[in-house]
Amino acid sequence: MRKKSRKYIFVIGGVMSGVGKGIATSAIGKILQAKGFEVNPIKIDPYLNVDAGTMNPTEHGEVFVLDSGLETDQDMGNYERFLNLNLKPDDYITSGMVYRHVIEKERNLGYKGKCVEAIPHITDEILRRIHRAAENNGSEISLIEIGGTVGDYQNIMFIEAARVLKLRHHSDVLFILVTYLPIPDKIGEMKTRPTQTAVRMLNSYGVQPDVLIARSETPLDRKRKEKIAVSCNVPVENVISAPDVESIYDVPVNFERDHLGDIVLRSLNLKSRVRRDGLLPWRQFVSRVRGASEELKIAVVGKYFDTGDFVLSDAYLSVIEAVKYSAYKLGKKPSLTWINSKLYESGEKNISELAGFHGVIVPGGFGESGIEGKLAAIRFARENKIPYLGLCYGMQLAVIEFARHVALIPGATTSEIEAEAEHPVINILPEQRKKLSEGDYGGSMRLGACPARLKLGTLAYRAYGRETISERHRHRYEINPKYVEELERAGLIFSGLSPDGALAEIAELPRTAHPFFLGTQFHPEFLARPLNPHPLFSAFLKAAVKRRDSPRLPARRSLTPAALVN
């Protein structure tokens, strides 16, 4: 019996960056899933970095970690959340990966003495990786998002590879261009010319888009669709209106208003396999999002917010979404306030403002900058019994704060900040110390899914409802085992441990001391899903709801940041 050919959908961006290719790709995947197809999304990043792990989060946004430990672009997180999949390392491709492989193969005589060139050797390697990802996933449809914008020099090789695939498998390949239609204030009319220019640029590469997703502030009218169709050589029904929406989770529902799923399947000679509304659970989730009205005020105290005059919340994208999912399941509307911890250190902000929040989160991070401000926030949350959730560095700093002010270990700190500290309650793993001494920074942290065992009766155990868990890590430093016993005597509970008991994965305070004070060495936000919120975030927000609904006591302290830190 002849094996059915796989289908490939390439999603390319036009006009400007940040147009929403990742969300569009995720939404298309969700629609195809709802029609009964197995899909695998692939993100292609045209930068020469081998992975996203060494990039500054204030410039590039969040680094999303897969189960395998691969550090990837934040769009991989969008794919996982929308499609409820745990993606594989083959689903992520960078120029750095491709060029490194080709060069290493050439050095090992893998090309048998041939002259190695960008075409065909680079494009062949790109296609090999795309085919391998589809094969390893066993999927029927691959959704490939090509990063960057049409006209960028960096992504030409990827578009060329896509062109070659279309040439070889014409009816199995579809091109979707996500473009933008501006409405200049002084003109007051939606302009189609930037989209026409983007399509012509794509045509110059030998690629004709089959579908246009037209992003704009408002829906496209029929006249604009007709104009775009004629000038860009696409059927008018293949011009999909994608106006700004209240939530990214509205996007699949919005696309289906223009029958995008049917258009894609028809273009690939496929038919829907379900008669029912496969998007119904998703529509119900979107309905809960819209229906949430009771506000939960959550402070996120971090340091990767400032980028010029703007706030880059993308550095904590998975944390934001994890909070939303748990809040919506509780029927609450999350209101997140970004607080730059450096402002507590400088005195530009008063730490007592935290008394007005229902919960405090300190997310991950690296280095010394803004740390004393975070420690001040953690102490304030602990002493005033504000629900607290610390993630990775947020757990380590919670342990340091407890060590200083409860266990009374003088000068307790992390060796990340003070290498020769007298009391490094947070210390680097021996294997990590060796890697750093050798200058091995990229992809060398403790990365990916690791198992842990939970102690019965703890906050963590009650949240998960089971004894064994698996969560994703991204860090070099750990709780120093030498201080565990001393910290436990002072009242801290290490409720999650590695299977061999050597590494502390979760630290918490007993409910007799605090309604909810918990930190994780891992990143639970990476496993939160719209239809399956993460249990730790849900437990944290339940505590925040109780705080909101309970009579409020005056803040125990309202001191200067320096007084709180010391």
Protein backbone atom coordinates (compact mmCIF):
# COMPACT_ATOMS: atom_id res chain seq x y z
CA MET A 1 0.00 0.00 0.00
CA ARG A 2 1.44 3.38 -0.99
CA LYS A 3 2.34 5.57 1.97
CA LYS A 4 0.48 8.86 2.03
CA SER A 5 2.69 11.87 1.49
CA ARG A 6 3.18 14.32 4.31
CA LYS A 7 1.99 17.89 4.01
CA TYR A 8 4.05 21.00 4.74
CA ILE A 9 2.78 24.48 5.55
CA PHE A 10 5.30 27.34 5.62
CA VAL A 11 4.39 30.46 7.57
CA ILE A 12 6.37 33.55 6.57
CA GLY A 13 6.15 37.14 7.83
CA GLY A 14 5.85 40.30 5.79
CA VAL A 15 5.97 44.10 6.28
CA MET A 16 7.36 44.15 9.83
CA SER A 17 8.64 41.99 12.67
CA GLY A 18 6.37 41.07 15.55
CA VAL A 19 3.40 40.67 13.21
CA GLY A 20 2.26 37.51 14.97
CA LYS A 21 3.65 34.59 12.95
CA GLY A 22 4.10 32.43 16.05
CA ILE A 23 0.52 32.89 17.25
CA ALA A 24 -0.78 32.44 13.70
CA THR A 25 1.17 29.18 13.37
CA SER A 26 -0.10 27.98 16.75
CA ALA A 27 -3.67 28.88 15.84
CA ILE A 28 -3.51 27.10 12.48
CA GLY A 29 -2.14 24.03 14.24
CA LYS A 30 -4.98 24.15 16.75
CA ILE A 31 -7.56 24.35 13.96
CA LEU A 32 -6.01 21.39 12.12
CA GLN A 33 -5.94 19.36 15.34
CA ALA A 34 -9.63 20.15 15.82
CA LYS A 35 -10.26 18.77 12.32
CA GLY A 36 -8.65 15.45 13.24
CA PHE A 37 -5.04 15.82 12.03
CA GLU A 38 -1.76 15.23 13.81
CA VAL A 39 0.54 18.21 13.38
CA ASN A 40 4.06 19.09 14.36
CA PRO A 41 5.16 22.72 14.48
CA ILE A 42 8.75 23.65 13.59
CA LYS A 43 10.35 26.98 14.40
CA ILE A 44 13.18 28.19 12.19
CA ASP A 45 15.26 31.00 13.67
CA PRO A 46 17.67 32.57 11.17
CA TYR A 47 20.24 33.76 13.72
CA LEU A 48 23.69 32.16 13.88
CA ASN A 49 23.36 31.29 17.56
CA VAL A 50 23.20 27.52 17.85
CA ASP A 51 20.32 27.89 20.32
CA ALA A 52 18.60 30.66 22.28
CA GLY A 53 20.34 29.93 25.59
CA THR A 54 23.02 32.62 25.50
CA MET A 55 20.81 35.50 24.33
CA ASN A 56 19.85 38.41 26.55
CA PRO A 57 16.16 38.14 27.56
CA THR A 58 15.67 41.92 27.41
CA GLU A 59 16.59 41.79 23.72
CA HIS A 60 15.18 38.47 22.58
CA GLY A 61 12.51 37.59 25.12
CA GLU A 62 12.06 34.40 27.06
CA VAL A 63 14.21 31.32 26.57
CA PHE A 64 11.85 28.35 26.45
CA VAL A 65 13.28 24.98 27.53
CA LEU A 66 12.07 21.67 26.09
CA ASP A 67 11.96 18.33 27.93
CA SER A 68 15.18 17.45 26.11
CA GLY A 69 16.92 20.49 27.60
CA LEU A 70 17.21 22.37 24.32
CA GLU A 71 16.96 26.14 24.89
CA THR A 72 14.66 27.61 22.25
CA ASP A 73 12.74 30.64 21.09
CA GLN A 74 9.58 31.63 22.99
CA ASP A 75 7.41 30.67 20.01
CA MET A 76 8.08 27.03 20.90
CA GLY A 77 6.26 27.75 24.15
CA ASN A 78 3.30 29.13 22.22
CA TYR A 79 3.20 25.97 20.12
CA GLU A 80 3.26 23.72 23.17
CA ARG A 81 0.57 25.68 24.96
CA PHE A 82 -1.83 25.92 22.02
CA LEU A 83 -1.34 22.35 20.83
CA ASN A 84 -0.84 20.68 24.22
CA LEU A 85 2.32 18.96 22.93
CA ASN A 86 5.76 18.36 24.37
CA LEU A 87 7.96 19.25 21.43
CA LYS A 88 11.18 17.51 20.46
CA PRO A 89 14.60 19.02 19.70
CA ASP A 90 14.12 18.30 15.99
CA ASP A 91 11.24 20.79 16.01
CA TYR A 92 13.67 23.69 16.42
CA ILE A 93 16.14 24.81 13.75
CA THR A 94 18.60 27.71 13.70
CA SER A 95 21.08 28.89 11.10
CA GLY A 96 23.76 28.14 13.66
CA MET A 97 22.69 24.49 13.88
CA VAL A 98 22.58 24.13 10.12
CA TYR A 99 25.90 25.81 9.33
CA ARG A 100 27.71 24.05 12.18
CA HIS A 101 26.50 20.65 10.96
CA VAL A 102 27.50 21.36 7.34
CA ILE A 103 30.94 22.64 8.32
CA GLU A 104 31.61 19.71 10.65
CA LYS A 105 30.48 17.29 7.95
CA GLU A 106 32.82 18.94 5.45
CA ARG A 107 35.72 18.73 7.92
CA ASN A 108 35.03 14.98 8.27
CA LEU A 109 34.99 14.48 4.48
CA GLY A 110 31.27 13.88 4.59
CA TYR A 111 30.90 15.54 1.20
CA LYS A 112 33.69 13.40 -0.31
CA GLY A 113 35.83 16.32 -1.44
CA LYS A 114 33.09 18.31 -3.15
CA CYS A 115 33.03 22.10 -3.13
CA VAL A 116 30.55 22.84 -0.32
CA GLU A 117 28.22 25.74 -1.09
CA ALA A 118 25.16 27.44 0.35
CA ILE A 119 23.09 25.98 -2.46
CA PRO A 120 22.54 23.06 -2.47
CA HIS A 121 24.31 21.93 0.71
CA ILE A 122 22.79 24.39 3.21
CA THR A 123 19.31 24.11 1.73
CA ASP A 124 19.59 20.30 1.61
CA GLU A 125 20.50 20.26 5.30
CA ILE A 126 17.49 22.46 6.09
CA LEU A 127 15.19 20.09 4.23
CA ARG A 128 16.79 17.06 5.89
CA ARG A 129 15.97 18.52 9.29
CA ILE A 130 12.38 19.35 8.30
CA HIS A 131 11.82 15.81 6.99
CA ARG A 132 13.46 14.28 10.08
CA ALA A 133 11.22 16.29 12.41
CA ALA A 134 8.12 15.08 10.55
CA GLU A 135 9.37 11.49 10.59
CA ASN A 136 10.24 11.50 14.28
CA ASN A 137 6.90 13.03 15.23
CA GLY A 138 4.91 10.73 12.98
CA SER A 139 2.76 13.72 12.08
CA GLU A 140 0.70 14.21 8.96
CA ILE A 141 1.15 17.97 8.62
CA SER A 142 4.26 19.98 9.46
CA LEU A 143 3.81 23.67 10.24
CA ILE A 144 7.09 25.48 9.64
CA GLU A 145 7.44 29.08 10.82
CA ILE A 146 10.34 30.88 9.19
CA GLY A 147 11.59 33.61 11.52
CA GLY A 148 12.24 37.15 10.45
CA THR A 149 10.55 39.10 7.68
CA VAL A 150 10.52 38.80 3.90
CA GLY A 151 13.50 40.81 2.67
CA ASP A 152 15.79 39.86 5.54
CA TYR A 153 19.12 38.56 4.32
CA GLN A 154 19.25 36.04 7.18
CA ASN A 155 16.27 33.91 6.15
CA ILE A 156 16.86 33.70 2.40
CA MET A 157 18.29 30.16 2.62
CA PHE A 158 15.22 28.92 4.48
CA ILE A 159 12.82 30.43 1.96
CA GLU A 160 14.92 28.92 -0.82
CA ALA A 161 14.70 25.49 0.85
CA ALA A 162 10.93 25.90 1.07
CA ARG A 163 10.82 26.82 -2.64
CA VAL A 164 12.73 23.65 -3.52
CA LEU A 165 10.34 21.54 -1.43
CA LYS A 166 7.39 23.11 -3.25
CA LEU A 167 9.04 22.28 -6.58
CA ARG A 168 9.47 18.64 -5.57
CA HIS A 169 6.12 18.14 -3.82
CA HIS A 170 3.87 20.74 -5.37
CA SER A 171 0.46 19.74 -4.03
CA ASP A 172 1.82 18.88 -0.57
CA VAL A 173 3.27 22.31 0.21
CA LEU A 174 1.38 25.46 1.19
CA PHE A 175 2.71 28.99 1.74
CA ILE A 176 1.01 31.36 4.17
CA LEU A 177 2.17 34.96 4.46
CA VAL A 178 1.31 36.83 7.66
CA THR A 179 1.30 40.49 6.74
CA TYR A 180 0.26 43.83 8.20
CA LEU A 181 -2.08 46.55 6.96
CA PRO A 182 -1.46 49.88 8.71
CA ILE A 183 -4.06 52.58 9.27
CA PRO A 184 -2.06 55.84 9.55
CA ASP A 185 -3.73 58.26 11.96
CA LYS A 186 -3.55 61.26 9.67
CA ILE A 187 -4.86 59.31 6.68
CA GLY A 188 -7.54 57.23 8.38
CA GLU A 189 -7.57 54.56 5.67
CA MET A 190 -6.28 50.99 5.74
CA LYS A 191 -3.32 50.80 3.33
CA THR A 192 -2.60 47.66 1.30
CA ARG A 193 0.62 48.77 -0.46
CA PRO A 194 3.05 47.41 2.20
CA THR A 195 1.43 43.99 1.78
CA GLN A 196 1.67 44.21 -2.01
CA THR A 197 5.36 45.05 -1.69
CA ALA A 198 5.97 42.14 0.70
CA VAL A 199 4.28 39.68 -1.69
CA ARG A 200 6.34 40.95 -4.62
CA MET A 201 9.49 40.57 -2.56
CA LEU A 202 8.47 36.98 -1.81
CA ASN A 203 7.73 36.46 -5.51
CA SER A 204 11.28 37.57 -6.30
CA TYR A 205 12.48 34.54 -4.31
CA GLY A 206 10.35 32.27 -6.49
CA VAL A 207 7.59 31.83 -3.92
CA GLN A 208 3.91 32.69 -4.35
CA PRO A 209 1.82 32.74 -1.16
CA ASP A 210 -1.33 30.63 -1.26
CA VAL A 211 -2.98 32.33 1.72
CA LEU A 212 -2.58 35.81 3.17
CA ILE A 213 -3.31 36.44 6.85
CA ALA A 214 -3.88 40.17 7.04
CA ARG A 215 -3.13 41.61 10.47
CA SER A 216 -4.60 45.00 11.28
CA GLU A 217 -6.21 47.01 14.04
CA THR A 218 -9.67 46.40 12.58
CA PRO A 219 -11.24 43.70 10.37
CA LEU A 220 -10.69 43.91 6.62
CA ASP A 221 -13.63 44.99 4.55
CA ARG A 222 -14.57 43.30 1.30
CA LYS A 223 -13.04 46.06 -0.82
CA ARG A 224 -9.60 45.65 0.79
CA LYS A 225 -9.77 41.87 0.41
CA GLU A 226 -10.57 42.22 -3.28
CA LYS A 227 -7.79 44.72 -3.82
CA ILE A 228 -5.24 42.49 -2.09
CA ALA A 229 -6.47 39.41 -3.99
CA VAL A 230 -6.06 41.05 -7.40
CA SER A 231 -2.70 42.69 -6.69
CA CYS A 232 -1.20 39.70 -4.89
CA ASN A 233 -2.58 36.92 -7.12
CA VAL A 234 -4.54 34.98 -4.49
CA PRO A 235 -8.24 34.05 -4.38
CA VAL A 236 -10.24 36.60 -2.43
CA GLU A 237 -11.47 33.93 0.01
CA ASN A 238 -7.81 33.15 0.81
CA VAL A 239 -7.31 36.63 2.27
CA ILE A 240 -7.94 36.08 5.97
CA SER A 241 -8.87 38.98 8.20
CA ALA A 242 -6.87 38.98 11.44
CA PRO A 243 -7.82 42.08 13.45
CA ASP A 244 -6.47 42.84 16.89
CA VAL A 245 -8.26 40.74 19.49
CA GLU A 246 -8.55 40.93 23.26
CA SER A 247 -6.69 37.66 23.79
CA ILE A 248 -4.32 35.59 21.65
CA TYR A 249 -6.58 32.65 22.46
CA ASP A 250 -9.33 34.25 20.36
CA VAL A 251 -7.17 33.84 17.25
CA PRO A 252 -8.16 30.26 16.25
CA VAL A 253 -11.82 31.14 16.71
CA ASN A 254 -11.35 34.33 14.72
CA PHE A 255 -9.55 32.52 11.87
CA GLU A 256 -12.41 30.06 11.59
CA ARG A 257 -14.82 32.91 10.93
CA ASP A 258 -13.05 33.20 7.57
CA HIS A 259 -12.98 29.37 7.25
CA LEU A 260 -9.18 29.21 7.30
CA GLY A 261 -9.17 25.53 8.30
CA ASP A 262 -11.28 24.50 5.30
CA ILE A 263 -9.17 26.65 2.97
CA VAL A 264 -5.95 25.03 4.18
CA LEU A 265 -7.33 21.50 3.91
CA ARG A 266 -8.80 22.14 0.45
CA SER A 267 -5.47 23.56 -0.74
CA LEU A 268 -3.70 20.40 0.47
CA ASN A 269 -6.35 18.06 -0.98
CA LEU A 270 -7.50 16.98 2.48
CA LYS A 271 -10.89 16.76 4.16
CA SER A 272 -11.89 17.25 7.76
CA ARG A 273 -12.14 13.99 9.72
CA VAL A 274 -14.61 15.20 12.33
CA ARG A 275 -18.22 16.28 12.04
CA ARG A 276 -18.49 17.79 15.48
CA ASP A 277 -16.97 21.11 16.49
CA GLY A 278 -13.45 20.04 17.40
CA LEU A 279 -12.75 23.52 18.74
CA LEU A 280 -15.51 23.30 21.34
CA PRO A 281 -13.21 22.82 24.39
CA TRP A 282 -11.12 25.73 23.14
CA ARG A 283 -14.19 27.91 22.63
CA GLN A 284 -15.27 27.10 26.20
CA PHE A 285 -11.84 28.18 27.45
CA VAL A 286 -12.09 31.44 25.50
CA SER A 287 -15.54 31.97 27.02
CA ARG A 288 -14.07 31.58 30.52
CA VAL A 289 -11.40 34.13 29.64
CA ARG A 290 -14.05 36.65 28.60
CA GLY A 291 -16.26 35.87 31.58
CA ALA A 292 -13.59 36.37 34.23
CA SER A 293 -14.27 39.61 36.09
CA GLU A 294 -13.14 39.35 39.72
CA GLU A 295 -9.64 40.80 39.79
CA LEU A 296 -6.60 39.14 41.31
CA LYS A 297 -3.69 41.54 41.75
CA ILE A 298 -0.34 39.81 41.34
CA ALA A 299 3.03 41.54 41.60
CA VAL A 300 5.82 40.13 39.45
CA VAL A 301 9.10 41.35 40.92
CA GLY A 302 11.80 40.84 38.31
CA LYS A 303 14.66 42.59 36.61
CA TYR A 304 14.33 41.86 32.89
CA PHE A 305 11.74 44.54 32.26
CA ASP A 306 13.69 47.62 31.27
CA THR A 307 14.61 48.03 27.62
CA GLY A 308 14.97 51.72 26.90
CA ASP A 309 11.68 53.47 27.56
CA PHE A 310 9.68 50.28 27.16
CA VAL A 311 8.72 47.27 29.28
CA LEU A 312 9.54 43.84 27.85
CA SER A 313 7.21 41.43 29.62
CA ASP A 314 8.13 38.79 27.01
CA ALA A 315 11.11 37.91 29.20
CA TYR A 316 8.59 36.16 31.49
CA LEU A 317 6.04 35.09 28.88
CA SER A 318 5.46 31.55 30.19
CA VAL A 319 4.99 32.85 33.74
CA ILE A 320 2.38 35.30 32.54
CA GLU A 321 0.45 32.65 30.65
CA ALA A 322 0.67 30.15 33.52
CA VAL A 323 -0.89 32.71 35.86
CA LYS A 324 -3.66 33.37 33.36
CA TYR A 325 -4.61 29.71 32.92
CA SER A 326 -4.93 29.05 36.63
CA ALA A 327 -6.78 32.32 37.23
CA TYR A 328 -9.27 31.66 34.44
CA LYS A 329 -9.97 28.17 35.77
CA LEU A 330 -10.83 29.81 39.10
CA GLY A 331 -13.05 32.31 37.28
CA LYS A 332 -10.75 35.21 38.16
CA LYS A 333 -9.19 37.93 36.05
CA PRO A 334 -5.44 38.25 36.69
CA SER A 335 -3.99 41.74 36.91
CA LEU A 336 -0.21 41.54 36.74
CA THR A 337 1.97 44.48 37.74
CA TRP A 338 5.59 44.48 36.62
CA ILE A 339 7.89 45.73 39.35
CA ASN A 340 11.54 46.27 38.56
CA SER A 341 13.41 45.09 41.65
CA LYS A 342 16.15 47.65 40.99
CA LEU A 343 13.68 50.39 41.94
CA TYR A 344 13.40 48.95 45.47
CA GLU A 345 17.17 49.10 45.77
CA SER A 346 17.35 52.72 44.60
CA GLY A 347 14.43 53.84 46.77
CA GLU A 348 12.39 54.97 43.77
CA LYS A 349 9.64 52.59 44.93
CA ASN A 350 8.40 51.87 48.47
CA ILE A 351 8.39 48.18 49.36
CA SER A 352 5.17 48.61 51.33
CA GLU A 353 3.24 48.82 48.04
CA LEU A 354 3.34 45.02 48.01
CA ALA A 355 0.75 45.01 50.81
CA GLY A 356 -1.81 45.97 48.18
CA PHE A 357 -1.32 42.79 46.16
CA HIS A 358 -2.96 39.41 46.55
CA GLY A 359 0.21 37.52 45.64
CA VAL A 360 3.88 38.03 44.78
CA ILE A 361 5.94 36.15 42.19
CA VAL A 362 9.72 36.36 41.86
CA PRO A 363 10.65 34.65 38.58
CA GLY A 364 13.98 33.34 37.33
CA GLY A 365 17.08 35.30 36.43
CA PHE A 366 20.83 35.40 36.67
CA GLY A 367 23.50 37.58 38.25
CA GLU A 368 23.73 40.26 40.92
CA SER A 369 21.73 43.10 39.39
CA GLY A 370 18.46 43.82 41.24
CA ILE A 371 18.97 40.99 43.74
CA GLU A 372 18.79 43.03 46.96
CA GLY A 373 15.48 44.45 45.77
CA LYS A 374 14.14 40.95 45.21
CA LEU A 375 15.31 39.87 48.67
CA ALA A 376 13.49 42.84 50.16
CA ALA A 377 10.29 41.87 48.33
CA ILE A 378 10.58 38.26 49.49
CA ARG A 379 11.07 39.28 53.12
CA PHE A 380 8.10 41.61 52.96
CA ALA A 381 5.91 38.85 51.48
CA ARG A 382 7.04 36.37 54.11
CA GLU A 383 6.58 38.66 57.11
CA ASN A 384 3.22 39.97 55.91
CA LYS A 385 1.93 36.55 54.89
CA ILE A 386 1.36 37.50 51.26
CA PRO A 387 1.15 34.37 49.06
CA TYR A 388 4.56 33.93 47.46
CA LEU A 389 5.76 31.84 44.52
CA GLY A 390 9.47 31.79 43.71
CA LEU A 391 10.69 30.30 40.44
CA CYS A 392 14.28 29.07 40.08
CA TYR A 393 16.29 32.12 41.23
CA GLY A 394 13.11 33.13 43.09
CA MET A 395 13.44 29.96 45.16
CA GLN A 396 17.17 30.41 45.74
CA LEU A 397 16.66 33.97 46.94
CA ALA A 398 13.79 32.88 49.21
CA VAL A 399 16.20 30.39 50.83
CA ILE A 400 18.84 33.10 51.22
CA GLU A 401 16.33 35.49 52.78
CA PHE A 402 15.16 32.77 55.20
CA ALA A 403 18.74 31.85 56.04
CA ARG A 404 19.61 35.46 56.87
CA HIS A 405 16.58 36.49 58.87
CA VAL A 406 15.12 33.29 60.33
CA ALA A 407 17.95 30.76 60.51
CA LEU A 408 20.27 33.69 61.36
CA ILE A 409 23.15 32.52 59.19
CA PRO A 410 25.24 35.70 58.86
CA GLY A 411 26.10 36.75 55.33
CA ALA A 412 24.14 33.88 53.76
CA THR A 413 24.29 34.30 49.99
CA THR A 414 24.88 32.57 46.67
CA SER A 415 28.27 31.80 45.19
CA GLU A 416 26.88 33.14 41.91
CA ILE A 417 27.26 36.60 43.42
CA GLU A 418 30.07 36.01 45.93
CA ALA A 419 32.37 33.20 44.82
CA GLU A 420 34.31 33.06 48.11
CA ALA A 421 31.34 33.58 50.44
CA GLU A 422 31.65 32.28 54.00
CA HIS A 423 28.10 30.89 53.92
CA PRO A 424 27.07 29.96 50.34
CA VAL A 425 23.65 28.48 51.06
CA ILE A 426 23.29 28.46 47.27
CA ASN A 427 26.29 26.92 45.55
CA ILE A 428 27.34 25.85 42.09
CA LEU A 429 27.27 22.18 41.16
CA PRO A 430 30.79 20.70 40.84
CA GLU A 431 30.26 19.73 37.19
CA GLN A 432 29.02 23.25 36.46
CA ARG A 433 32.13 24.77 38.05
CA LYS A 434 34.27 22.73 35.65
CA LYS A 435 32.24 23.84 32.63
CA LEU A 436 32.51 27.51 33.54
CA SER A 437 36.27 27.22 34.09
CA GLU A 438 36.51 25.89 30.53
CA GLY A 439 34.34 28.69 29.12
CA ASP A 440 31.57 26.21 28.29
CA TYR A 441 28.46 28.40 28.61
CA GLY A 442 26.11 27.42 25.80
CA GLY A 443 23.69 24.57 26.53
CA SER A 444 25.71 23.48 29.56
CA MET A 445 23.41 24.25 32.51
CA ARG A 446 21.22 21.70 34.24
CA LEU A 447 18.59 21.64 31.52
CA GLY A 448 15.37 19.86 30.69
CA ALA A 449 13.02 17.44 32.40
CA CYS A 450 14.15 15.94 35.71
CA PRO A 451 12.14 13.79 38.13
CA ALA A 452 11.52 14.68 41.79
CA ARG A 453 9.84 13.08 44.79
CA LEU A 454 7.47 15.02 47.04
CA LYS A 455 7.02 14.75 50.78
CA LEU A 456 3.58 13.71 51.91
CA GLY A 457 1.40 16.36 53.51
CA THR A 458 3.27 19.35 52.11
CA LEU A 459 1.90 22.22 50.02
CA ALA A 460 3.63 20.76 46.98
CA TYR A 461 2.18 17.29 47.49
CA ARG A 462 -1.34 18.65 48.02
CA ALA A 463 -1.03 20.72 44.85
CA TYR A 464 0.19 17.88 42.60
CA GLY A 465 -1.75 15.08 44.29
CA ARG A 466 1.03 12.60 43.63
CA GLU A 467 4.44 11.68 44.99
CA THR A 468 6.55 11.70 41.81
CA ILE A 469 6.74 14.59 39.33
CA SER A 470 8.84 15.66 36.34
CA GLU A 471 9.63 19.31 35.66
CA ARG A 472 11.96 21.32 33.41
CA HIS A 473 15.12 22.94 34.74
CA ARG A 474 17.45 25.73 33.62
CA HIS A 475 20.13 26.69 36.16
CA ARG A 476 23.72 26.17 37.33
CA TYR A 477 23.31 26.72 41.07
CA GLU A 478 21.55 24.60 43.71
CA ILE A 479 20.69 24.61 47.40
CA ASN A 480 23.93 23.78 49.20
CA PRO A 481 23.35 20.37 50.88
CA LYS A 482 25.60 21.42 53.77
CA TYR A 483 22.95 23.88 54.98
CA VAL A 484 19.81 21.80 54.47
CA GLU A 485 19.66 20.39 58.01
CA GLU A 486 20.28 23.79 59.62
CA LEU A 487 17.59 25.44 57.47
CA GLU A 488 15.11 22.66 58.25
CA ARG A 489 15.71 23.08 61.99
CA ALA A 490 14.80 26.75 61.55
CA GLY A 491 11.47 25.76 59.96
CA LEU A 492 12.04 25.59 56.20
CA ILE A 493 10.66 22.48 54.48
CA PHE A 494 12.38 20.99 51.46
CA SER A 495 9.26 19.31 50.12
CA GLY A 496 10.65 18.14 46.77
CA LEU A 497 13.93 16.29 46.32
CA SER A 498 15.74 14.59 43.44
CA PRO A 499 15.19 10.82 43.45
CA ASP A 500 18.55 10.25 45.17
CA GLY A 501 17.74 12.92 47.77
CA ALA A 502 20.85 14.94 46.91
CA LEU A 503 19.20 18.02 45.37
CA ALA A 504 16.44 20.21 46.81
CA GLU A 505 13.82 20.93 44.16
CA ILE A 506 11.08 22.65 46.21
CA ALA A 507 11.29 24.73 49.38
CA GLU A 508 8.27 25.91 51.36
CA LEU A 509 7.05 27.15 54.72
CA PRO A 510 4.49 25.18 56.74
CA ARG A 511 0.91 26.48 56.59
CA THR A 512 1.12 27.19 60.32
CA ALA A 513 3.75 29.83 59.52
CA HIS A 514 2.46 31.20 56.18
CA PRO A 515 -0.66 30.65 54.01
CA PHE A 516 1.43 29.96 50.90
CA PHE A 517 5.19 30.44 50.63
CA LEU A 518 6.81 28.11 48.09
CA GLY A 519 9.72 28.15 45.68
CA THR A 520 10.77 25.74 42.95
CA GLN A 521 14.24 25.11 41.58
CA PHE A 522 12.60 24.16 38.29
CA HIS A 523 10.36 26.18 35.96
CA PRO A 524 6.77 24.93 36.33
CA GLU A 525 5.55 27.61 33.94
CA PHE A 526 6.95 25.62 31.00
CA LEU A 527 4.32 22.90 31.50
CA ALA A 528 1.26 25.10 32.01
CA ARG A 529 -1.42 24.69 29.32
CA PRO A 530 -4.66 26.62 28.63
CA LEU A 531 -6.84 23.55 29.19
CA ASN A 532 -4.49 22.06 31.83
CA PRO A 533 -3.26 24.75 34.24
CA HIS A 534 -0.19 23.95 36.31
CA PRO A 535 -1.10 22.74 39.84
CA LEU A 536 1.46 24.92 41.63
CA PHE A 537 0.20 28.10 39.96
CA SER A 538 -3.36 27.05 40.76
CA ALA A 539 -2.48 26.45 44.43
CA PHE A 540 -0.72 29.83 44.58
CA LEU A 541 -3.71 31.65 43.09
CA LYS A 542 -6.16 29.89 45.39
CA ALA A 543 -4.16 31.33 48.28
CA ALA A 544 -4.26 34.73 46.56
CA VAL A 545 -8.06 34.48 46.33
CA LYS A 546 -8.26 33.79 50.06
CA ARG A 547 -6.11 36.83 50.77
CA ARG A 548 -8.29 38.98 48.56
CA ASP A 549 -11.47 37.78 50.27
CA SER A 550 -10.16 37.96 53.84
CA PRO A 551 -10.02 41.01 56.14
CA ARG A 552 -6.66 42.66 55.62
CA LEU A 553 -4.29 43.32 58.51
CA PRO A 554 -1.98 46.34 58.37
CA ALA A 555 1.43 45.62 56.86
CA ARG A 556 3.84 44.43 59.51
CA ARG A 557 6.63 46.55 58.17
CA SER A 558 6.98 49.64 56.05
CA LEU A 559 10.70 50.17 56.09
CA THR A 560 13.23 51.39 53.59
CA PRO A 561 14.66 48.79 51.22
CA ALA A 562 18.00 48.96 53.00
CA ALA A 563 16.39 48.18 56.37
CA LEU A 564 14.55 45.22 54.90
CA VAL A 565 17.63 43.77 53.25
CA ASN A 566 19.89 44.07 56.28
